[in-house]
Amino acid sequence: MFVFSLKYVAPLEEVDALLPDHVAWLKAQHEAGHFIAWGRKVPREGGLIMAHAPTREMAEELAASDPFVKGGAAEVEVIEFSPSFVAPGLEGLQG
C-alpha cells in the first residue's frame, strides 16, 4: 500500500485551475482499482491519496501522472507502508 503526500508549490489559484483534471484523474484511478481514499490536508496545503500498486515503480508513475504534479502546482512524496493492523472491515488493506 502507498500514500501519496502532495504539497502545493504554487498559489491556490493555479491549483484550482487544475482541480477539474485532478478530480477526473482521481476518479479514473479509483475505477482502475488503484485509489481507495483521498482528500485535502487541513490547512489546505496539499492532499493525501491512499493507493494500491503492485510495485513502487508503478506507484511512483501513478503519482507523477497527477495533473497537479504534471502542471507544476504540487510536489508528491510516495510513502510505502505495510499495515500490521487494520480496523474490522478493512482487512483487504493488509498485504
N, C-alpha and C. Protein backbone atom coordinates (compact mmCIF):
# COMPACT_ATOMS: atom_id res chain seq x y z
N MET A 1 0.85 -1.17 0.00
CA MET A 1 0.00 0.00 0.00
C MET A 1 0.90 1.23 0.00
N PHE A 2 0.37 2.28 -0.58
CA PHE A 2 1.13 3.53 -0.70
C PHE A 2 0.26 4.70 -0.28
N VAL A 3 0.91 5.73 0.23
CA VAL A 3 0.28 7.01 0.47
C VAL A 3 1.04 8.03 -0.37
N PHE A 4 0.30 8.79 -1.15
CA PHE A 4 0.88 9.89 -1.90
C PHE A 4 0.60 11.15 -1.10
N SER A 5 1.66 11.82 -0.67
CA SER A 5 1.52 13.06 0.08
C SER A 5 1.85 14.22 -0.85
N LEU A 6 0.83 14.98 -1.20
CA LEU A 6 1.00 16.12 -2.11
C LEU A 6 1.20 17.40 -1.31
N LYS A 7 2.11 18.22 -1.79
CA LYS A 7 2.35 19.54 -1.19
C LYS A 7 2.26 20.57 -2.30
N TYR A 8 1.35 21.53 -2.14
CA TYR A 8 1.22 22.57 -3.14
C TYR A 8 2.46 23.45 -3.15
N VAL A 9 2.94 23.74 -4.35
CA VAL A 9 4.11 24.61 -4.51
C VAL A 9 3.78 25.82 -5.38
N ALA A 10 2.50 25.98 -5.68
CA ALA A 10 2.02 27.10 -6.49
C ALA A 10 0.86 27.75 -5.74
N PRO A 11 0.51 28.97 -6.10
CA PRO A 11 -0.64 29.63 -5.48
C PRO A 11 -1.92 28.81 -5.69
N LEU A 12 -2.86 28.93 -4.75
CA LEU A 12 -4.10 28.18 -4.84
C LEU A 12 -4.88 28.45 -6.13
N GLU A 13 -4.71 29.62 -6.73
CA GLU A 13 -5.38 29.90 -7.99
C GLU A 13 -4.91 28.93 -9.07
N GLU A 14 -3.62 28.61 -9.08
CA GLU A 14 -3.07 27.65 -10.04
C GLU A 14 -3.54 26.23 -9.72
N VAL A 15 -3.59 25.90 -8.44
CA VAL A 15 -4.10 24.60 -8.01
C VAL A 15 -5.55 24.46 -8.45
N ASP A 16 -6.36 25.47 -8.18
CA ASP A 16 -7.78 25.41 -8.51
C ASP A 16 -8.00 25.30 -10.02
N ALA A 17 -7.14 25.90 -10.82
CA ALA A 17 -7.27 25.81 -12.28
C ALA A 17 -7.08 24.36 -12.76
N LEU A 18 -6.30 23.58 -12.03
CA LEU A 18 -6.04 22.19 -12.39
C LEU A 18 -6.99 21.21 -11.70
N LEU A 19 -7.82 21.72 -10.80
CA LEU A 19 -8.67 20.85 -9.98
C LEU A 19 -9.61 19.95 -10.80
N PRO A 20 -10.30 20.43 -11.83
CA PRO A 20 -11.17 19.52 -12.59
C PRO A 20 -10.41 18.32 -13.18
N ASP A 21 -9.22 18.57 -13.73
CA ASP A 21 -8.41 17.48 -14.29
C ASP A 21 -7.93 16.54 -13.19
N HIS A 22 -7.57 17.10 -12.05
CA HIS A 22 -7.11 16.29 -10.91
C HIS A 22 -8.24 15.38 -10.42
N VAL A 23 -9.44 15.91 -10.28
CA VAL A 23 -10.58 15.11 -9.80
C VAL A 23 -10.91 14.01 -10.82
N ALA A 24 -10.87 14.32 -12.09
CA ALA A 24 -11.12 13.31 -13.12
C ALA A 24 -10.07 12.20 -13.05
N TRP A 25 -8.82 12.58 -12.81
CA TRP A 25 -7.72 11.61 -12.67
C TRP A 25 -7.95 10.74 -11.44
N LEU A 26 -8.33 11.34 -10.31
CA LEU A 26 -8.61 10.56 -9.10
C LEU A 26 -9.69 9.52 -9.36
N LYS A 27 -10.78 9.94 -9.98
CA LYS A 27 -11.89 9.03 -10.25
C LYS A 27 -11.49 7.91 -11.20
N ALA A 28 -10.71 8.25 -12.22
CA ALA A 28 -10.25 7.23 -13.17
C ALA A 28 -9.35 6.20 -12.49
N GLN A 29 -8.48 6.67 -11.59
CA GLN A 29 -7.58 5.74 -10.88
C GLN A 29 -8.36 4.89 -9.89
N HIS A 30 -9.41 5.45 -9.30
CA HIS A 30 -10.28 4.66 -8.42
C HIS A 30 -10.98 3.56 -9.22
N GLU A 31 -11.53 3.92 -10.37
CA GLU A 31 -12.22 2.95 -11.22
C GLU A 31 -11.26 1.86 -11.71
N ALA A 32 -9.98 2.20 -11.87
CA ALA A 32 -8.96 1.22 -12.29
C ALA A 32 -8.51 0.34 -11.14
N GLY A 33 -8.98 0.66 -9.92
CA GLY A 33 -8.64 -0.15 -8.75
C GLY A 33 -7.39 0.27 -8.02
N HIS A 34 -6.87 1.46 -8.34
CA HIS A 34 -5.63 1.91 -7.72
C HIS A 34 -5.84 2.75 -6.46
N PHE A 35 -6.86 3.60 -6.43
CA PHE A 35 -7.03 4.53 -5.32
C PHE A 35 -8.21 4.11 -4.46
N ILE A 36 -8.00 4.14 -3.14
CA ILE A 36 -9.08 3.75 -2.23
C ILE A 36 -9.57 4.91 -1.36
N ALA A 37 -8.80 5.97 -1.26
CA ALA A 37 -9.22 7.14 -0.49
C ALA A 37 -8.35 8.33 -0.88
N TRP A 38 -8.93 9.52 -0.74
CA TRP A 38 -8.16 10.74 -0.97
C TRP A 38 -8.84 11.91 -0.30
N GLY A 39 -8.08 12.98 -0.10
CA GLY A 39 -8.66 14.19 0.48
C GLY A 39 -7.61 15.26 0.69
N ARG A 40 -8.11 16.45 1.02
CA ARG A 40 -7.24 17.61 1.27
C ARG A 40 -6.62 17.54 2.65
N LYS A 41 -5.44 18.12 2.76
CA LYS A 41 -4.84 18.34 4.07
C LYS A 41 -5.51 19.56 4.68
N VAL A 42 -5.53 19.61 5.99
CA VAL A 42 -6.07 20.77 6.71
C VAL A 42 -4.96 21.30 7.59
N PRO A 43 -4.50 22.53 7.36
CA PRO A 43 -4.98 23.51 6.39
C PRO A 43 -4.68 23.07 4.96
N ARG A 44 -5.30 23.74 4.00
CA ARG A 44 -5.22 23.35 2.58
C ARG A 44 -3.85 23.69 2.01
N GLU A 45 -2.93 22.77 2.23
CA GLU A 45 -1.56 22.93 1.73
C GLU A 45 -1.15 21.77 0.83
N GLY A 46 -2.10 20.87 0.56
CA GLY A 46 -1.84 19.70 -0.27
C GLY A 46 -2.92 18.68 -0.03
N GLY A 47 -2.58 17.42 -0.28
CA GLY A 47 -3.55 16.36 -0.09
C GLY A 47 -2.88 15.02 0.11
N LEU A 48 -3.71 14.01 0.41
CA LEU A 48 -3.23 12.64 0.60
C LEU A 48 -4.08 11.71 -0.25
N ILE A 49 -3.42 10.70 -0.80
CA ILE A 49 -4.10 9.67 -1.59
C ILE A 49 -3.61 8.32 -1.07
N MET A 50 -4.55 7.42 -0.76
CA MET A 50 -4.20 6.04 -0.40
C MET A 50 -4.32 5.22 -1.68
N ALA A 51 -3.26 4.49 -2.00
CA ALA A 51 -3.21 3.80 -3.29
C ALA A 51 -2.72 2.37 -3.16
N HIS A 52 -3.20 1.53 -4.08
CA HIS A 52 -2.69 0.18 -4.27
C HIS A 52 -1.91 0.18 -5.59
N ALA A 53 -0.75 -0.43 -5.58
CA ALA A 53 0.02 -0.63 -6.80
C ALA A 53 0.88 -1.87 -6.59
N PRO A 54 1.10 -2.65 -7.63
CA PRO A 54 1.88 -3.87 -7.46
C PRO A 54 3.36 -3.63 -7.16
N THR A 55 3.88 -2.48 -7.58
CA THR A 55 5.30 -2.18 -7.34
C THR A 55 5.45 -0.71 -6.99
N ARG A 56 6.56 -0.39 -6.35
CA ARG A 56 6.87 1.01 -6.04
C ARG A 56 7.02 1.81 -7.33
N GLU A 57 7.63 1.20 -8.33
CA GLU A 57 7.81 1.89 -9.61
C GLU A 57 6.46 2.32 -10.20
N MET A 58 5.48 1.42 -10.15
CA MET A 58 4.16 1.78 -10.66
C MET A 58 3.52 2.87 -9.82
N ALA A 59 3.68 2.79 -8.48
CA ALA A 59 3.14 3.82 -7.60
C ALA A 59 3.76 5.18 -7.93
N GLU A 60 5.05 5.21 -8.16
CA GLU A 60 5.72 6.48 -8.49
C GLU A 60 5.25 7.01 -9.84
N GLU A 61 5.02 6.10 -10.81
CA GLU A 61 4.49 6.53 -12.10
C GLU A 61 3.08 7.11 -11.96
N LEU A 62 2.25 6.45 -11.15
CA LEU A 62 0.90 6.96 -10.90
C LEU A 62 0.96 8.35 -10.27
N ALA A 63 1.78 8.49 -9.24
CA ALA A 63 1.90 9.78 -8.54
C ALA A 63 2.36 10.88 -9.49
N ALA A 64 3.31 10.56 -10.35
CA ALA A 64 3.86 11.55 -11.29
C ALA A 64 2.84 11.93 -12.36
N SER A 65 1.82 11.10 -12.58
CA SER A 65 0.83 11.39 -13.61
C SER A 65 -0.29 12.31 -13.12
N ASP A 66 -0.27 12.68 -11.85
CA ASP A 66 -1.27 13.59 -11.28
C ASP A 66 -1.19 14.94 -12.01
N PRO A 67 -2.32 15.46 -12.51
CA PRO A 67 -2.29 16.77 -13.16
C PRO A 67 -1.70 17.88 -12.29
N PHE A 68 -1.86 17.82 -10.97
CA PHE A 68 -1.23 18.81 -10.11
C PHE A 68 0.29 18.74 -10.23
N VAL A 69 0.83 17.54 -10.26
CA VAL A 69 2.28 17.34 -10.34
C VAL A 69 2.77 17.71 -11.74
N LYS A 70 2.10 17.18 -12.76
CA LYS A 70 2.49 17.47 -14.14
C LYS A 70 2.40 18.96 -14.45
N GLY A 71 1.43 19.63 -13.83
CA GLY A 71 1.23 21.05 -14.07
C GLY A 71 2.11 21.96 -13.22
N GLY A 72 2.95 21.36 -12.37
CA GLY A 72 3.86 22.15 -11.55
C GLY A 72 3.22 22.80 -10.34
N ALA A 73 2.00 22.41 -9.99
CA ALA A 73 1.32 23.01 -8.85
C ALA A 73 1.59 22.28 -7.54
N ALA A 74 2.10 21.04 -7.63
CA ALA A 74 2.35 20.26 -6.42
C ALA A 74 3.56 19.36 -6.60
N GLU A 75 4.17 19.04 -5.47
CA GLU A 75 5.20 18.02 -5.41
C GLU A 75 4.58 16.84 -4.67
N VAL A 76 5.07 15.63 -4.95
CA VAL A 76 4.49 14.46 -4.31
C VAL A 76 5.58 13.58 -3.71
N GLU A 77 5.30 13.09 -2.52
CA GLU A 77 6.16 12.10 -1.86
C GLU A 77 5.38 10.79 -1.85
N VAL A 78 6.02 9.72 -2.31
CA VAL A 78 5.39 8.40 -2.32
C VAL A 78 5.91 7.64 -1.10
N ILE A 79 4.98 7.27 -0.22
CA ILE A 79 5.33 6.58 1.02
C ILE A 79 4.73 5.18 0.95
N GLU A 80 5.57 4.17 1.10
CA GLU A 80 5.09 2.79 1.10
C GLU A 80 4.96 2.33 2.54
N PHE A 81 3.87 1.61 2.83
CA PHE A 81 3.76 1.03 4.16
C PHE A 81 2.99 -0.28 4.09
N SER A 82 3.25 -1.11 5.08
CA SER A 82 2.61 -2.41 5.18
C SER A 82 1.81 -2.43 6.47
N PRO A 83 0.48 -2.32 6.39
CA PRO A 83 -0.33 -2.28 7.60
C PRO A 83 -0.20 -3.57 8.41
N SER A 84 0.11 -3.45 9.68
CA SER A 84 0.16 -4.62 10.55
C SER A 84 -1.13 -4.73 11.37
N PHE A 85 -1.95 -3.68 11.35
CA PHE A 85 -3.26 -3.70 11.99
C PHE A 85 -4.20 -2.87 11.15
N VAL A 86 -5.42 -3.36 11.00
CA VAL A 86 -6.49 -2.59 10.38
C VAL A 86 -7.77 -2.82 11.17
N ALA A 87 -8.66 -1.85 11.16
CA ALA A 87 -9.94 -1.96 11.85
C ALA A 87 -10.82 -2.99 11.14
N PRO A 88 -11.76 -3.57 11.87
CA PRO A 88 -12.68 -4.52 11.24
C PRO A 88 -13.34 -3.91 9.99
N GLY A 89 -13.41 -4.71 8.96
CA GLY A 89 -13.97 -4.25 7.69
C GLY A 89 -12.93 -3.77 6.72
N LEU A 90 -11.70 -3.57 7.20
CA LEU A 90 -10.63 -3.07 6.32
C LEU A 90 -9.54 -4.11 6.10
N GLU A 91 -9.85 -5.36 6.33
CA GLU A 91 -8.85 -6.42 6.24
C GLU A 91 -8.21 -6.50 4.85
N GLY A 92 -8.92 -6.08 3.81
CA GLY A 92 -8.37 -6.09 2.47
C GLY A 92 -7.18 -5.18 2.27
N LEU A 93 -6.94 -4.29 3.22
CA LEU A 93 -5.80 -3.38 3.12
C LEU A 93 -4.49 -4.05 3.52
N GLN A 94 -4.58 -5.17 4.21
CA GLN A 94 -3.36 -5.85 4.63
C GLN A 94 -2.82 -6.67 3.49
N GLY A 95 -1.48 -6.60 3.34
CA GLY A 95 -0.81 -7.30 2.25
C GLY A 95 -0.83 -8.75 2.45
